[in-house]
Amino acid sequence: MKALLIVFINLYFITVSYASENIVFAKTHQLTSVILGEQRSFSVYLPPSYNENPN
């Protein structure tokens, strides 16, 4: 049982180490709000097919 647990823990860390590519869900932007008097952040999500189909 301990050996099986050790194998699964090793597989987890091996998988995590190979998944080093950044995954971007949305791009974050900022703008200055004159009315609120502060800088506001917002996120924009574009699906992967956005760049493939310009229409």
C-alpha atoms as a PDB file:
ATOM      1  CA  MET A   1       0.000   0.000   0.000  1.00  0.00           C
ATOM      2  CA  LYS A   2       2.844   2.394   0.824  1.00  0.00           C
ATOM      3  CA  ALA A   3       4.558   1.558  -2.451  1.00  0.00           C
ATOM      4  CA  LEU A   4       1.401   2.379  -4.401  1.00  0.00           C
ATOM      5  CA  LEU A   5       1.076   5.697  -2.600  1.00  0.00           C
ATOM      6  CA  ILE A   6       4.716   6.544  -3.355  1.00  0.00           C
ATOM      7  CA  VAL A   7       4.197   5.705  -7.042  1.00  0.00           C
ATOM      8  CA  PHE A   8       1.161   8.009  -7.270  1.00  0.00           C
ATOM      9  CA  ILE A   9       2.967  10.838  -5.508  1.00  0.00           C
ATOM     10  CA  ASN A  10       5.924  10.499  -7.890  1.00  0.00           C
ATOM     11  CA  LEU A  11       3.612  10.464 -10.918  1.00  0.00           C
ATOM     12  CA  TYR A  12       1.918  13.616  -9.660  1.00  0.00           C
ATOM     13  CA  PHE A  13       5.192  15.533  -9.310  1.00  0.00           C
ATOM     14  CA  ILE A  14       6.465  14.305 -12.670  1.00  0.00           C
ATOM     15  CA  THR A  15       3.242  15.483 -14.329  1.00  0.00           C
ATOM     16  CA  VAL A  16       3.387  18.871 -12.613  1.00  0.00           C
ATOM     17  CA  SER A  17       6.992  19.405 -13.659  1.00  0.00           C
ATOM     18  CA  TYR A  18       6.181  18.739 -17.345  1.00  0.00           C
ATOM     19  CA  ALA A  19       3.171  21.079 -17.307  1.00  0.00           C
ATOM     20  CA  SER A  20       5.303  24.212 -17.246  1.00  0.00           C
ATOM     21  CA  GLU A  21       3.501  25.968 -20.110  1.00  0.00           C
ATOM     22  CA  ASN A  22       1.489  28.943 -18.912  1.00  0.00           C
ATOM     23  CA  ILE A  23      -2.256  28.646 -19.303  1.00  0.00           C
ATOM     24  CA  VAL A  24      -3.893  32.011 -19.946  1.00  0.00           C
ATOM     25  CA  PHE A  25      -7.623  32.182 -19.335  1.00  0.00           C
ATOM     26  CA  ALA A  26      -7.956  35.921 -19.832  1.00  0.00           C
ATOM     27  CA  LYS A  27      -5.798  38.964 -20.395  1.00  0.00           C
ATOM     28  CA  THR A  28      -5.911  41.585 -17.667  1.00  0.00           C
ATOM     29  CA  HIS A  29      -6.012  45.271 -18.543  1.00  0.00           C
ATOM     30  CA  GLN A  30      -6.177  48.449 -16.481  1.00  0.00           C
ATOM     31  CA  LEU A  31      -7.703  51.850 -17.038  1.00  0.00           C
ATOM     32  CA  THR A  32      -7.917  54.991 -14.956  1.00  0.00           C
ATOM     33  CA  SER A  33     -11.420  55.974 -13.931  1.00  0.00           C
ATOM     34  CA  VAL A  34     -11.861  59.746 -13.700  1.00  0.00           C
ATOM     35  CA  ILE A  35     -15.267  59.407 -12.014  1.00  0.00           C
ATOM     36  CA  LEU A  36     -14.093  56.906  -9.379  1.00  0.00           C
ATOM     37  CA  GLY A  37     -10.676  58.499  -9.083  1.00  0.00           C
ATOM     38  CA  GLU A  38      -8.821  55.199  -9.166  1.00  0.00           C
ATOM     39  CA  GLN A  39      -7.267  52.660 -11.474  1.00  0.00           C
ATOM     40  CA  ARG A  40      -9.588  49.783 -12.357  1.00  0.00           C
ATOM     41  CA  SER A  41      -8.644  46.311 -13.601  1.00  0.00           C
ATOM     42  CA  PHE A  42     -10.682  44.163 -15.958  1.00  0.00           C
ATOM     43  CA  SER A  43     -10.140  40.873 -17.742  1.00  0.00           C
ATOM     44  CA  VAL A  44     -11.000  39.953 -21.320  1.00  0.00           C
ATOM     45  CA  TYR A  45     -11.355  36.332 -22.423  1.00  0.00           C
ATOM     46  CA  LEU A  46     -11.038  35.502 -26.107  1.00  0.00           C
ATOM     47  CA  PRO A  47     -11.538  31.912 -27.264  1.00  0.00           C
ATOM     48  CA  PRO A  48      -8.633  30.220 -29.060  1.00  0.00           C
ATOM     49  CA  SER A  49     -10.556  30.346 -32.354  1.00  0.00           C
ATOM     50  CA  TYR A  50     -10.680  34.184 -32.227  1.00  0.00           C
ATOM     51  CA  ASN A  51      -7.379  34.585 -34.100  1.00  0.00           C
ATOM     52  CA  GLU A  52      -8.279  31.888 -36.641  1.00  0.00           C
ATOM     53  CA  ASN A  53     -11.531  33.480 -37.834  1.00  0.00           C
ATOM     54  CA  PRO A  54     -11.269  37.292 -38.196  1.00  0.00           C
ATOM     55  CA  ASN A  55     -14.956  37.676 -39.169  1.00  0.00           C
END
